[in-house]
N, C-alpha and C. Protein backbone atom coordinates (compact mmCIF):
# COMPACT_ATOMS: atom_id res chain seq x y z
N UNK A 1 8.74 61.71 -16.47
CA UNK A 1 8.59 60.47 -17.19
C UNK A 1 9.11 59.29 -16.37
N UNK A 2 10.20 59.46 -15.67
CA UNK A 2 10.77 58.40 -14.86
C UNK A 2 9.84 58.01 -13.73
N UNK A 3 9.17 58.95 -13.12
CA UNK A 3 8.23 58.69 -12.04
C UNK A 3 7.06 57.83 -12.54
N UNK A 4 6.57 58.15 -13.71
CA UNK A 4 5.45 57.39 -14.28
C UNK A 4 5.88 55.95 -14.55
N UNK A 5 7.08 55.76 -15.09
CA UNK A 5 7.58 54.41 -15.34
C UNK A 5 7.73 53.62 -14.05
N UNK A 6 8.25 54.27 -13.01
CA UNK A 6 8.42 53.61 -11.72
C UNK A 6 7.08 53.20 -11.13
N UNK A 7 6.09 54.09 -11.23
CA UNK A 7 4.76 53.78 -10.71
C UNK A 7 4.12 52.64 -11.50
N UNK A 8 4.30 52.65 -12.81
CA UNK A 8 3.76 51.59 -13.64
C UNK A 8 4.41 50.25 -13.30
N UNK A 9 5.72 50.25 -13.14
CA UNK A 9 6.44 49.03 -12.77
C UNK A 9 6.00 48.53 -11.40
N UNK A 10 5.83 49.43 -10.46
CA UNK A 10 5.38 49.05 -9.12
C UNK A 10 3.98 48.44 -9.16
N UNK A 11 3.09 49.04 -9.94
CA UNK A 11 1.73 48.51 -10.06
C UNK A 11 1.73 47.13 -10.71
N UNK A 12 2.56 46.95 -11.73
CA UNK A 12 2.65 45.65 -12.40
C UNK A 12 3.21 44.60 -11.45
N UNK A 13 4.19 44.96 -10.66
CA UNK A 13 4.77 44.04 -9.69
C UNK A 13 3.74 43.62 -8.65
N UNK A 14 2.99 44.59 -8.14
CA UNK A 14 1.95 44.27 -7.16
C UNK A 14 0.88 43.36 -7.76
N UNK A 15 0.49 43.60 -8.99
CA UNK A 15 -0.52 42.77 -9.64
C UNK A 15 0.00 41.34 -9.81
N UNK A 16 1.27 41.20 -10.19
CA UNK A 16 1.87 39.87 -10.35
C UNK A 16 1.91 39.12 -9.03
N UNK A 17 2.33 39.80 -7.97
CA UNK A 17 2.38 39.18 -6.65
C UNK A 17 0.99 38.75 -6.21
N UNK A 18 -0.02 39.59 -6.47
CA UNK A 18 -1.38 39.24 -6.08
C UNK A 18 -1.87 38.01 -6.83
N UNK A 19 -1.60 37.93 -8.12
CA UNK A 19 -2.03 36.78 -8.92
C UNK A 19 -1.30 35.51 -8.48
N UNK A 20 0.02 35.58 -8.33
CA UNK A 20 0.78 34.40 -7.90
C UNK A 20 0.40 33.98 -6.50
N UNK A 21 0.17 34.93 -5.63
CA UNK A 21 -0.22 34.61 -4.25
C UNK A 21 -1.54 33.88 -4.20
N UNK A 22 -2.50 34.30 -5.02
CA UNK A 22 -3.80 33.64 -5.02
C UNK A 22 -3.71 32.25 -5.63
N UNK A 23 -2.84 32.05 -6.62
CA UNK A 23 -2.66 30.73 -7.22
C UNK A 23 -2.04 29.77 -6.22
N UNK A 24 -1.06 30.26 -5.46
CA UNK A 24 -0.44 29.41 -4.47
C UNK A 24 -1.40 29.10 -3.34
N UNK A 25 -2.25 30.05 -2.97
CA UNK A 25 -3.21 29.81 -1.90
C UNK A 25 -4.21 28.74 -2.29
N UNK A 26 -4.64 28.74 -3.58
CA UNK A 26 -5.61 27.73 -3.99
C UNK A 26 -4.99 26.35 -4.06
N UNK A 27 -3.66 26.28 -4.16
CA UNK A 27 -2.99 25.00 -4.23
C UNK A 27 -2.40 24.59 -2.88
N UNK A 28 -2.72 25.34 -1.86
CA UNK A 28 -2.18 25.05 -0.53
C UNK A 28 -2.74 23.74 0.00
N UNK A 29 -1.99 23.07 0.88
CA UNK A 29 -2.48 21.83 1.48
C UNK A 29 -3.83 22.06 2.15
N UNK A 30 -4.62 21.02 2.21
CA UNK A 30 -5.92 21.19 2.82
C UNK A 30 -6.55 19.90 3.26
N UNK A 31 -7.70 20.04 3.89
CA UNK A 31 -8.48 18.89 4.34
C UNK A 31 -9.92 19.05 3.86
N UNK A 32 -10.56 17.93 3.63
CA UNK A 32 -11.95 17.95 3.17
C UNK A 32 -12.35 16.57 2.70
N UNK A 33 -13.38 16.54 1.91
CA UNK A 33 -13.91 15.27 1.43
C UNK A 33 -13.17 14.76 0.20
N UNK A 34 -13.15 13.44 0.08
CA UNK A 34 -12.56 12.79 -1.09
C UNK A 34 -13.48 11.66 -1.53
N UNK A 35 -13.41 11.34 -2.80
CA UNK A 35 -14.10 10.17 -3.33
C UNK A 35 -13.14 9.49 -4.29
N UNK A 36 -13.54 8.32 -4.77
CA UNK A 36 -12.69 7.63 -5.73
C UNK A 36 -13.47 7.35 -7.00
N UNK A 37 -12.72 7.16 -8.08
CA UNK A 37 -13.36 6.85 -9.35
C UNK A 37 -12.50 5.88 -10.15
N UNK A 38 -13.14 5.14 -11.04
CA UNK A 38 -12.45 4.08 -11.79
C UNK A 38 -12.90 4.08 -13.24
N UNK A 39 -12.93 5.25 -13.85
CA UNK A 39 -13.29 5.33 -15.26
C UNK A 39 -12.10 4.91 -16.11
N UNK A 40 -12.32 4.73 -17.40
CA UNK A 40 -11.20 4.46 -18.30
C UNK A 40 -11.17 5.48 -19.44
N UNK A 41 -11.85 6.60 -19.23
CA UNK A 41 -11.86 7.65 -20.24
C UNK A 41 -10.59 8.49 -20.13
N UNK A 42 -10.42 9.43 -21.05
CA UNK A 42 -9.26 10.31 -21.00
C UNK A 42 -9.43 11.33 -19.88
N UNK A 43 -8.32 11.65 -19.23
CA UNK A 43 -8.32 12.65 -18.17
C UNK A 43 -8.10 14.03 -18.79
N UNK A 44 -8.21 15.06 -17.97
CA UNK A 44 -8.00 16.42 -18.44
C UNK A 44 -6.57 16.65 -18.93
N UNK A 45 -5.63 15.83 -18.45
CA UNK A 45 -4.24 15.96 -18.89
C UNK A 45 -4.01 15.28 -20.24
N UNK A 46 -4.99 14.52 -20.71
CA UNK A 46 -4.88 13.85 -22.00
C UNK A 46 -4.54 12.38 -21.92
N UNK A 47 -4.11 11.92 -20.74
CA UNK A 47 -3.80 10.50 -20.61
C UNK A 47 -5.06 9.71 -20.25
N UNK A 48 -5.03 8.43 -20.54
CA UNK A 48 -6.17 7.58 -20.22
C UNK A 48 -6.16 7.28 -18.72
N UNK A 49 -7.33 7.38 -18.09
CA UNK A 49 -7.46 7.08 -16.66
C UNK A 49 -7.26 5.59 -16.47
N UNK A 50 -6.38 5.23 -15.54
CA UNK A 50 -6.11 3.83 -15.22
C UNK A 50 -6.42 3.64 -13.74
N UNK A 51 -7.50 2.95 -13.40
CA UNK A 51 -7.89 2.78 -11.99
C UNK A 51 -6.84 2.05 -11.15
N UNK A 52 -5.89 1.35 -11.80
CA UNK A 52 -4.87 0.61 -11.08
C UNK A 52 -3.65 1.47 -10.72
N UNK A 53 -3.60 2.70 -11.23
CA UNK A 53 -2.47 3.59 -10.93
C UNK A 53 -2.82 4.54 -9.81
N UNK A 54 -1.80 5.06 -9.16
CA UNK A 54 -1.99 5.98 -8.03
C UNK A 54 -2.07 7.41 -8.55
N UNK A 55 -3.28 7.79 -8.98
CA UNK A 55 -3.49 9.12 -9.55
C UNK A 55 -4.68 9.79 -8.87
N UNK A 56 -4.86 11.09 -9.18
CA UNK A 56 -5.95 11.83 -8.57
C UNK A 56 -6.34 13.03 -9.41
N UNK A 57 -7.51 13.55 -9.11
CA UNK A 57 -8.01 14.76 -9.74
C UNK A 57 -8.06 15.87 -8.69
N UNK A 58 -7.58 17.06 -9.08
CA UNK A 58 -7.62 18.24 -8.21
C UNK A 58 -8.01 19.42 -9.08
N UNK A 59 -8.70 20.39 -8.50
CA UNK A 59 -9.19 21.52 -9.28
C UNK A 59 -8.09 22.42 -9.84
N UNK A 60 -7.01 22.62 -9.09
CA UNK A 60 -6.04 23.64 -9.52
C UNK A 60 -4.58 23.24 -9.49
N UNK A 61 -4.20 22.16 -8.85
CA UNK A 61 -2.79 21.78 -8.81
C UNK A 61 -2.31 21.42 -10.21
N UNK A 62 -1.08 21.77 -10.55
CA UNK A 62 -0.56 21.43 -11.88
C UNK A 62 -0.51 19.91 -12.09
N UNK A 63 -0.74 19.49 -13.33
CA UNK A 63 -0.61 18.08 -13.66
C UNK A 63 0.81 17.63 -13.35
N UNK A 64 0.94 16.44 -12.80
CA UNK A 64 2.24 15.90 -12.45
C UNK A 64 2.63 16.13 -11.00
N UNK A 65 1.90 17.00 -10.30
CA UNK A 65 2.20 17.26 -8.90
C UNK A 65 1.96 16.00 -8.08
N UNK A 66 2.89 15.68 -7.20
CA UNK A 66 2.72 14.52 -6.30
C UNK A 66 2.15 15.03 -4.98
N UNK A 67 1.13 14.35 -4.51
CA UNK A 67 0.39 14.76 -3.32
C UNK A 67 0.24 13.57 -2.38
N UNK A 68 0.53 13.78 -1.11
CA UNK A 68 0.30 12.75 -0.09
C UNK A 68 -1.11 12.95 0.46
N UNK A 69 -1.94 11.94 0.32
CA UNK A 69 -3.32 11.99 0.79
C UNK A 69 -3.45 11.06 2.00
N UNK A 70 -3.98 11.60 3.11
CA UNK A 70 -4.12 10.83 4.34
C UNK A 70 -5.58 10.73 4.75
N UNK A 71 -6.06 9.51 4.96
CA UNK A 71 -7.41 9.27 5.44
C UNK A 71 -7.43 9.63 6.93
N UNK A 72 -8.27 10.60 7.31
CA UNK A 72 -8.30 11.07 8.70
C UNK A 72 -8.86 10.02 9.66
N UNK A 73 -9.69 9.12 9.16
CA UNK A 73 -10.31 8.12 10.03
C UNK A 73 -9.31 7.06 10.49
N UNK A 74 -8.44 6.61 9.57
CA UNK A 74 -7.54 5.51 9.92
C UNK A 74 -6.05 5.87 9.85
N UNK A 75 -5.71 7.06 9.41
CA UNK A 75 -4.33 7.50 9.36
C UNK A 75 -3.52 6.95 8.19
N UNK A 76 -4.13 6.14 7.32
CA UNK A 76 -3.41 5.58 6.18
C UNK A 76 -3.18 6.66 5.12
N UNK A 77 -1.99 6.59 4.49
CA UNK A 77 -1.62 7.59 3.48
C UNK A 77 -1.19 6.93 2.18
N UNK A 78 -1.28 7.70 1.10
CA UNK A 78 -0.82 7.26 -0.21
C UNK A 78 -0.34 8.51 -0.96
N UNK A 79 0.69 8.33 -1.79
CA UNK A 79 1.15 9.42 -2.64
C UNK A 79 0.58 9.20 -4.03
N UNK A 80 -0.10 10.22 -4.55
CA UNK A 80 -0.73 10.16 -5.86
C UNK A 80 -0.16 11.26 -6.76
N UNK A 81 -0.34 11.08 -8.06
CA UNK A 81 0.07 12.07 -9.04
C UNK A 81 -1.18 12.71 -9.63
N UNK A 82 -1.23 14.03 -9.65
CA UNK A 82 -2.39 14.73 -10.22
C UNK A 82 -2.35 14.63 -11.73
N UNK A 83 -3.42 14.08 -12.33
CA UNK A 83 -3.50 13.96 -13.78
C UNK A 83 -4.88 14.30 -14.33
N UNK A 84 -5.75 14.84 -13.47
CA UNK A 84 -7.11 15.13 -13.90
C UNK A 84 -7.65 16.33 -13.13
N UNK A 85 -8.77 16.87 -13.59
CA UNK A 85 -9.43 17.98 -12.92
C UNK A 85 -10.70 17.48 -12.22
N UNK A 86 -11.01 18.11 -11.13
CA UNK A 86 -12.16 17.74 -10.32
C UNK A 86 -11.72 17.80 -8.87
N UNK A 87 -12.49 17.42 -7.94
CA UNK A 87 -13.88 16.99 -8.07
C UNK A 87 -14.81 18.18 -8.30
N UNK A 88 -16.00 17.89 -8.74
CA UNK A 88 -16.98 18.92 -9.01
C UNK A 88 -18.20 18.78 -8.10
N UNK A 89 -17.99 18.20 -6.94
CA UNK A 89 -19.03 18.05 -5.92
C UNK A 89 -18.65 18.94 -4.75
N UNK A 90 -19.60 19.73 -4.28
CA UNK A 90 -19.35 20.65 -3.16
C UNK A 90 -18.83 19.88 -1.94
N UNK A 91 -17.80 20.43 -1.31
CA UNK A 91 -17.24 19.82 -0.10
C UNK A 91 -16.12 18.84 -0.35
N UNK A 92 -15.92 18.44 -1.60
CA UNK A 92 -14.83 17.51 -1.92
C UNK A 92 -13.63 18.29 -2.44
N UNK A 93 -12.44 17.85 -2.03
CA UNK A 93 -11.23 18.55 -2.42
C UNK A 93 -10.35 17.76 -3.37
N UNK A 94 -10.58 16.44 -3.44
CA UNK A 94 -9.76 15.59 -4.30
C UNK A 94 -10.54 14.31 -4.62
N UNK A 95 -10.33 13.81 -5.83
CA UNK A 95 -10.84 12.49 -6.23
C UNK A 95 -9.63 11.62 -6.49
N UNK A 96 -9.61 10.42 -5.96
CA UNK A 96 -8.47 9.53 -6.16
C UNK A 96 -8.88 8.31 -6.97
N UNK A 97 -7.90 7.66 -7.57
CA UNK A 97 -8.16 6.43 -8.32
C UNK A 97 -8.56 5.32 -7.37
N UNK A 98 -9.12 4.26 -7.92
CA UNK A 98 -9.52 3.12 -7.08
C UNK A 98 -8.32 2.53 -6.35
N UNK A 99 -7.17 2.44 -7.02
CA UNK A 99 -5.97 1.88 -6.38
C UNK A 99 -5.55 2.74 -5.18
N UNK A 100 -5.61 4.04 -5.34
CA UNK A 100 -5.26 4.94 -4.22
C UNK A 100 -6.27 4.78 -3.09
N UNK A 101 -7.54 4.67 -3.45
CA UNK A 101 -8.59 4.49 -2.45
C UNK A 101 -8.38 3.18 -1.67
N UNK A 102 -7.95 2.13 -2.34
CA UNK A 102 -7.68 0.87 -1.66
C UNK A 102 -6.54 1.04 -0.65
N UNK A 103 -5.52 1.80 -1.03
CA UNK A 103 -4.37 2.02 -0.15
C UNK A 103 -4.74 2.75 1.14
N UNK A 104 -5.74 3.62 1.08
CA UNK A 104 -6.12 4.38 2.28
C UNK A 104 -7.42 3.89 2.90
N UNK A 105 -7.93 2.78 2.41
CA UNK A 105 -9.09 2.15 3.04
C UNK A 105 -10.41 2.88 2.87
N UNK A 106 -10.68 3.36 1.65
CA UNK A 106 -11.95 4.07 1.45
C UNK A 106 -12.77 3.54 0.28
N UNK A 107 -12.43 2.36 -0.23
CA UNK A 107 -13.20 1.82 -1.36
C UNK A 107 -14.62 1.48 -0.94
N UNK A 108 -14.76 0.80 0.15
CA UNK A 108 -16.09 0.35 0.58
C UNK A 108 -17.02 1.53 0.88
N UNK A 109 -16.51 2.54 1.58
CA UNK A 109 -17.34 3.70 1.93
C UNK A 109 -17.58 4.61 0.74
N UNK A 110 -16.63 4.64 -0.21
CA UNK A 110 -16.78 5.50 -1.39
C UNK A 110 -16.27 6.91 -1.19
N UNK A 111 -16.35 7.39 0.03
CA UNK A 111 -15.85 8.72 0.36
C UNK A 111 -15.13 8.68 1.70
N UNK A 112 -14.34 9.71 1.95
CA UNK A 112 -13.64 9.80 3.23
C UNK A 112 -13.22 11.24 3.47
N UNK A 113 -13.01 11.57 4.72
CA UNK A 113 -12.41 12.84 5.09
C UNK A 113 -10.90 12.64 5.00
N UNK A 114 -10.24 13.50 4.23
CA UNK A 114 -8.80 13.37 4.04
C UNK A 114 -8.11 14.72 4.21
N UNK A 115 -6.80 14.64 4.38
CA UNK A 115 -5.95 15.82 4.30
C UNK A 115 -4.91 15.51 3.25
N UNK A 116 -4.44 16.53 2.53
CA UNK A 116 -3.39 16.31 1.56
C UNK A 116 -2.32 17.36 1.70
N UNK A 117 -1.12 16.98 1.27
CA UNK A 117 -0.01 17.92 1.22
C UNK A 117 0.84 17.62 0.00
N UNK A 118 1.39 18.64 -0.59
CA UNK A 118 2.22 18.50 -1.78
C UNK A 118 3.57 17.95 -1.37
N UNK A 119 4.02 16.91 -2.07
CA UNK A 119 5.32 16.31 -1.76
C UNK A 119 6.29 16.40 -2.94
N UNK A 120 5.84 16.84 -4.07
CA UNK A 120 6.74 16.97 -5.22
C UNK A 120 6.04 17.23 -6.51
């Protein structure tokens, strides 16, 4: 009976590590496409989207996570808070508010190649 319990506990531990590892991998820093948006509807977190605030949408990072986003073309960076889900366009990794886009110089182009890293 003790052997069965040990094997069950070991299997459960491995399953937990696999699930947590995959969640952390999907939230790992990355590079890819970004766009900006300036809606005033409610975000996935329940708060109203404010284009004047430094916020962003990410597919899997927890709401409230602070992320440093850097425009690869000009090196400008901004720290945003994740408060929405998206983007839902292939090749894009993050959508930023209009204010954040202004900070990194991508309003006119609408999109940019960026890298991001979690800062808090």
